Amino acid sequence: MTPAINLAKQRKIAFTVHQYEHDADAKSFGLEASEKLGIPAEQVFKTLVVELDSHELAVAIIPVNTSLSMKLMAKSINAKKVSMANPTDVERATGYVLGGVSPLGQKKRLKTIVDTSAQTFPSIFVSAGRRGLEIELAASDLIALVNAKYALIAQ
């Protein structure tokens, strides 16, 4: 069990865990999940951690086949500027290793923005806290669990 799965169980939300054999040589963990689970890439979301100009960290959740718009992310979180966070800071704040960062069950609750495209699916897939492990849940449940908001942040 990961903290992500434990949180979903504890809050009694509907979810399904999907596991696959992770390839250490995979270039993109998210696209690997999409391929190995046979799910459209638009429905698999990656969890990215950014650093605001105030040095706070925040989470962006976007489809694995897109890139994060730093400009849109900054605007959505009321910051002047954001940049990708230092990997050590990400692991320290979330409790997860890169490639397995889940938006659920993080050590420290960070401001979280979910790309608006998540609303178009009955369920989305996000990391369950380990490479090769995904959790499928309704985007609205994800929003409620992490106190997130929707914004257009992917490009």
C-alpha atoms as a PDB file:
ATOM      1  CA  MET A   1       0.000   0.000   0.000  1.00  0.00           C
ATOM      2  CA  THR A   2       1.129   3.512  -0.766  1.00  0.00           C
ATOM      3  CA  PRO A   3       0.027   6.708   1.019  1.00  0.00           C
ATOM      4  CA  ALA A   4      -2.022   7.526  -2.122  1.00  0.00           C
ATOM      5  CA  ILE A   5      -4.003   4.284  -1.974  1.00  0.00           C
ATOM      6  CA  ASN A   6      -4.395   4.559   1.799  1.00  0.00           C
ATOM      7  CA  LEU A   7      -5.847   8.070   1.449  1.00  0.00           C
ATOM      8  CA  ALA A   8      -8.365   6.952  -1.191  1.00  0.00           C
ATOM      9  CA  LYS A   9      -9.422   4.016   1.019  1.00  0.00           C
ATOM     10  CA  GLN A  10      -9.642   6.171   4.132  1.00  0.00           C
ATOM     11  CA  ARG A  11     -11.866   8.742   2.363  1.00  0.00           C
ATOM     12  CA  LYS A  12     -13.998   5.918   0.901  1.00  0.00           C
ATOM     13  CA  ILE A  13     -13.871   7.108  -2.697  1.00  0.00           C
ATOM     14  CA  ALA A  14     -14.332   4.805  -5.686  1.00  0.00           C
ATOM     15  CA  PHE A  15     -10.994   3.901  -7.253  1.00  0.00           C
ATOM     16  CA  THR A  16      -9.178   1.111  -9.045  1.00  0.00           C
ATOM     17  CA  VAL A  17      -5.462   0.351  -8.838  1.00  0.00           C
ATOM     18  CA  HIS A  18      -3.686  -0.701 -12.037  1.00  0.00           C
ATOM     19  CA  GLN A  19      -0.239  -2.260 -11.989  1.00  0.00           C
ATOM     20  CA  TYR A  20       2.199  -2.892 -14.816  1.00  0.00           C
ATOM     21  CA  GLU A  21       5.812  -3.956 -15.191  1.00  0.00           C
ATOM     22  CA  HIS A  22       7.848  -0.735 -15.162  1.00  0.00           C
ATOM     23  CA  ASP A  23      10.757  -0.540 -17.613  1.00  0.00           C
ATOM     24  CA  ALA A  24      13.679   1.347 -16.030  1.00  0.00           C
ATOM     25  CA  ASP A  25      14.727   2.507 -19.515  1.00  0.00           C
ATOM     26  CA  ALA A  26      11.376   4.151 -20.299  1.00  0.00           C
ATOM     27  CA  LYS A  27      11.846   7.748 -21.445  1.00  0.00           C
ATOM     28  CA  SER A  28       8.438   8.892 -20.181  1.00  0.00           C
ATOM     29  CA  PHE A  29       6.858   7.195 -17.170  1.00  0.00           C
ATOM     30  CA  GLY A  30       3.418   8.573 -18.060  1.00  0.00           C
ATOM     31  CA  LEU A  31       3.476   7.470 -21.692  1.00  0.00           C
ATOM     32  CA  GLU A  32       4.750   4.075 -20.535  1.00  0.00           C
ATOM     33  CA  ALA A  33       1.693   3.765 -18.253  1.00  0.00           C
ATOM     34  CA  SER A  34      -0.620   4.729 -21.114  1.00  0.00           C
ATOM     35  CA  GLU A  35       0.935   2.146 -23.451  1.00  0.00           C
ATOM     36  CA  LYS A  36       1.167  -0.726 -20.989  1.00  0.00           C
ATOM     37  CA  LEU A  37      -2.343  -0.234 -19.614  1.00  0.00           C
ATOM     38  CA  GLY A  38      -3.879   0.415 -23.038  1.00  0.00           C
ATOM     39  CA  ILE A  39      -5.363   3.758 -21.989  1.00  0.00           C
ATOM     40  CA  PRO A  40      -5.442   6.913 -24.147  1.00  0.00           C
ATOM     41  CA  ALA A  41      -2.567   9.223 -23.170  1.00  0.00           C
ATOM     42  CA  GLU A  42      -5.062  12.086 -22.721  1.00  0.00           C
ATOM     43  CA  GLN A  43      -6.617  10.166 -19.806  1.00  0.00           C
ATOM     44  CA  VAL A  44      -3.338   9.476 -17.969  1.00  0.00           C
ATOM     45  CA  PHE A  45      -2.131  12.443 -15.936  1.00  0.00           C
ATOM     46  CA  LYS A  46       1.356  13.237 -14.672  1.00  0.00           C
ATOM     47  CA  THR A  47       2.093  15.026 -11.440  1.00  0.00           C
ATOM     48  CA  LEU A  48       4.621  17.835 -11.773  1.00  0.00           C
ATOM     49  CA  VAL A  49       5.929  19.970  -8.933  1.00  0.00           C
ATOM     50  CA  VAL A  50       6.844  23.585  -9.594  1.00  0.00           C
ATOM     51  CA  GLU A  51       8.483  26.264  -7.503  1.00  0.00           C
ATOM     52  CA  LEU A  52       6.809  29.659  -7.342  1.00  0.00           C
ATOM     53  CA  ASP A  53       8.698  32.954  -7.252  1.00  0.00           C
ATOM     54  CA  SER A  54       7.883  32.959  -3.502  1.00  0.00           C
ATOM     55  CA  HIS A  55       9.871  29.673  -3.222  1.00  0.00           C
ATOM     56  CA  GLU A  56       6.700  27.761  -2.324  1.00  0.00           C
ATOM     57  CA  LEU A  57       6.037  24.493  -4.141  1.00  0.00           C
ATOM     58  CA  ALA A  58       2.831  23.700  -6.035  1.00  0.00           C
ATOM     59  CA  VAL A  59       1.520  20.732  -8.008  1.00  0.00           C
ATOM     60  CA  ALA A  60       0.390  20.669 -11.635  1.00  0.00           C
ATOM     61  CA  ILE A  61      -1.553  17.665 -12.919  1.00  0.00           C
ATOM     62  CA  ILE A  62      -1.629  17.432 -16.720  1.00  0.00           C
ATOM     63  CA  PRO A  63      -2.104  14.765 -19.416  1.00  0.00           C
ATOM     64  CA  VAL A  64       1.093  12.793 -20.068  1.00  0.00           C
ATOM     65  CA  ASN A  65       1.075  13.707 -23.766  1.00  0.00           C
ATOM     66  CA  THR A  66       1.192  17.460 -23.052  1.00  0.00           C
ATOM     67  CA  SER A  67       3.626  19.975 -21.588  1.00  0.00           C
ATOM     68  CA  LEU A  68       3.070  22.320 -18.696  1.00  0.00           C
ATOM     69  CA  SER A  69       2.647  25.966 -19.653  1.00  0.00           C
ATOM     70  CA  MET A  70       4.670  27.808 -17.023  1.00  0.00           C
ATOM     71  CA  LYS A  71       2.834  31.016 -17.893  1.00  0.00           C
ATOM     72  CA  LEU A  72      -0.623  29.473 -17.459  1.00  0.00           C
ATOM     73  CA  MET A  73       0.433  27.668 -14.278  1.00  0.00           C
ATOM     74  CA  ALA A  74       1.784  30.904 -12.771  1.00  0.00           C
ATOM     75  CA  LYS A  75      -1.431  32.701 -13.657  1.00  0.00           C
ATOM     76  CA  SER A  76      -3.626  29.928 -12.205  1.00  0.00           C
ATOM     77  CA  ILE A  77      -1.781  30.029  -8.892  1.00  0.00           C
ATOM     78  CA  ASN A  78      -1.408  33.829  -8.679  1.00  0.00           C
ATOM     79  CA  ALA A  79       2.368  33.817  -9.009  1.00  0.00           C
ATOM     80  CA  LYS A  80       4.524  36.022 -11.214  1.00  0.00           C
ATOM     81  CA  LYS A  81       6.666  33.108 -12.309  1.00  0.00           C
ATOM     82  CA  VAL A  82       7.030  29.347 -11.804  1.00  0.00           C
ATOM     83  CA  SER A  83       9.785  26.910 -12.686  1.00  0.00           C
ATOM     84  CA  MET A  84      10.257  23.190 -12.288  1.00  0.00           C
ATOM     85  CA  ALA A  85      11.147  22.367  -8.684  1.00  0.00           C
ATOM     86  CA  ASN A  86      14.449  20.832  -7.658  1.00  0.00           C
ATOM     87  CA  PRO A  87      14.096  17.002  -7.599  1.00  0.00           C
ATOM     88  CA  THR A  88      15.402  16.803  -4.019  1.00  0.00           C
ATOM     89  CA  ASP A  89      12.807  19.352  -2.883  1.00  0.00           C
ATOM     90  CA  VAL A  90      10.085  17.408  -4.725  1.00  0.00           C
ATOM     91  CA  GLU A  91      10.982  14.143  -3.000  1.00  0.00           C
ATOM     92  CA  ARG A  92      11.274  15.834   0.403  1.00  0.00           C
ATOM     93  CA  ALA A  93       7.895  17.624   0.112  1.00  0.00           C
ATOM     94  CA  THR A  94       5.920  14.762  -1.430  1.00  0.00           C
ATOM     95  CA  GLY A  95       7.554  11.688   0.065  1.00  0.00           C
ATOM     96  CA  TYR A  96       7.644  10.098  -3.394  1.00  0.00           C
ATOM     97  CA  VAL A  97      10.476   9.420  -5.854  1.00  0.00           C
ATOM     98  CA  LEU A  98      10.415  11.104  -9.260  1.00  0.00           C
ATOM     99  CA  GLY A  99       8.441   9.077 -11.762  1.00  0.00           C
ATOM    100  CA  GLY A 100       6.191   7.882  -8.949  1.00  0.00           C
ATOM    101  CA  VAL A 101       4.965  11.180  -7.506  1.00  0.00           C
ATOM    102  CA  SER A 102       1.275  10.900  -6.736  1.00  0.00           C
ATOM    103  CA  PRO A 103      -0.938  13.917  -6.148  1.00  0.00           C
ATOM    104  CA  LEU A 104      -2.509  11.901  -3.311  1.00  0.00           C
ATOM    105  CA  GLY A 105      -1.022  11.282   0.118  1.00  0.00           C
ATOM    106  CA  GLN A 106       1.868  13.708  -0.154  1.00  0.00           C
ATOM    107  CA  LYS A 107       3.829  14.468   3.023  1.00  0.00           C
ATOM    108  CA  LYS A 108       3.117  18.169   2.712  1.00  0.00           C
ATOM    109  CA  ARG A 109      -0.153  19.487   1.283  1.00  0.00           C
ATOM    110  CA  LEU A 110       0.744  21.659  -1.704  1.00  0.00           C
ATOM    111  CA  LYS A 111      -1.493  23.942  -3.762  1.00  0.00           C
ATOM    112  CA  THR A 112      -2.680  21.805  -6.653  1.00  0.00           C
ATOM    113  CA  ILE A 113      -3.999  22.671 -10.108  1.00  0.00           C
ATOM    114  CA  VAL A 114      -5.568  20.029 -12.363  1.00  0.00           C
ATOM    115  CA  ASP A 115      -5.777  20.710 -16.088  1.00  0.00           C
ATOM    116  CA  THR A 116      -9.357  21.349 -17.215  1.00  0.00           C
ATOM    117  CA  SER A 117      -9.171  18.459 -19.702  1.00  0.00           C
ATOM    118  CA  ALA A 118      -9.561  16.045 -16.752  1.00  0.00           C
ATOM    119  CA  GLN A 119     -13.240  17.007 -16.608  1.00  0.00           C
ATOM    120  CA  THR A 120     -13.903  15.391 -19.997  1.00  0.00           C
ATOM    121  CA  PHE A 121     -13.350  11.824 -18.727  1.00  0.00           C
ATOM    122  CA  PRO A 122     -15.479   9.690 -16.395  1.00  0.00           C
ATOM    123  CA  SER A 123     -12.192   8.732 -14.697  1.00  0.00           C
ATOM    124  CA  ILE A 124      -8.528   9.646 -14.958  1.00  0.00           C
ATOM    125  CA  PHE A 125      -5.338   7.815 -14.067  1.00  0.00           C
ATOM    126  CA  VAL A 126      -2.622   9.298 -11.841  1.00  0.00           C
ATOM    127  CA  SER A 127       0.380   7.753 -10.169  1.00  0.00           C
ATOM    128  CA  ALA A 128      -0.499   5.698  -7.117  1.00  0.00           C
ATOM    129  CA  GLY A 129       2.874   6.541  -5.578  1.00  0.00           C
ATOM    130  CA  ARG A 130       5.211   4.083  -7.236  1.00  0.00           C
ATOM    131  CA  ARG A 131       6.540   3.560 -10.741  1.00  0.00           C
ATOM    132  CA  GLY A 132       4.367   0.914 -12.390  1.00  0.00           C
ATOM    133  CA  LEU A 133       1.334   1.686 -10.228  1.00  0.00           C
ATOM    134  CA  GLU A 134      -1.596   3.895 -11.280  1.00  0.00           C
ATOM    135  CA  ILE A 135      -4.810   4.792  -9.490  1.00  0.00           C
ATOM    136  CA  GLU A 136      -7.972   5.391 -11.512  1.00  0.00           C
ATOM    137  CA  LEU A 137     -10.537   7.757 -10.004  1.00  0.00           C
ATOM    138  CA  ALA A 138     -13.012  10.468 -10.915  1.00  0.00           C
ATOM    139  CA  ALA A 139     -11.354  13.840 -11.462  1.00  0.00           C
ATOM    140  CA  SER A 140     -13.900  15.386  -9.083  1.00  0.00           C
ATOM    141  CA  ASP A 141     -12.768  12.978  -6.340  1.00  0.00           C
ATOM    142  CA  LEU A 142      -9.139  13.937  -6.977  1.00  0.00           C
ATOM    143  CA  ILE A 143     -10.079  17.615  -6.706  1.00  0.00           C
ATOM    144  CA  ALA A 144     -11.854  16.979  -3.397  1.00  0.00           C
ATOM    145  CA  LEU A 145      -9.084  14.788  -1.947  1.00  0.00           C
ATOM    146  CA  VAL A 146      -6.290  17.306  -2.526  1.00  0.00           C
ATOM    147  CA  ASN A 147      -8.347  20.506  -2.344  1.00  0.00           C
ATOM    148  CA  ALA A 148      -7.341  21.377  -5.912  1.00  0.00           C
ATOM    149  CA  LYS A 149      -8.861  23.570  -8.570  1.00  0.00           C
ATOM    150  CA  TYR A 150      -9.221  23.257 -12.328  1.00  0.00           C
ATOM    151  CA  ALA A 151      -7.393  25.548 -14.726  1.00  0.00           C
ATOM    152  CA  LEU A 152      -6.096  25.362 -18.268  1.00  0.00           C
ATOM    153  CA  ILE A 153      -2.378  24.709 -17.674  1.00  0.00           C
ATOM    154  CA  ALA A 154      -1.383  22.163 -20.358  1.00  0.00           C
ATOM    155  CA  GLN A 155      -0.195  22.942 -23.863  1.00  0.00           C
END
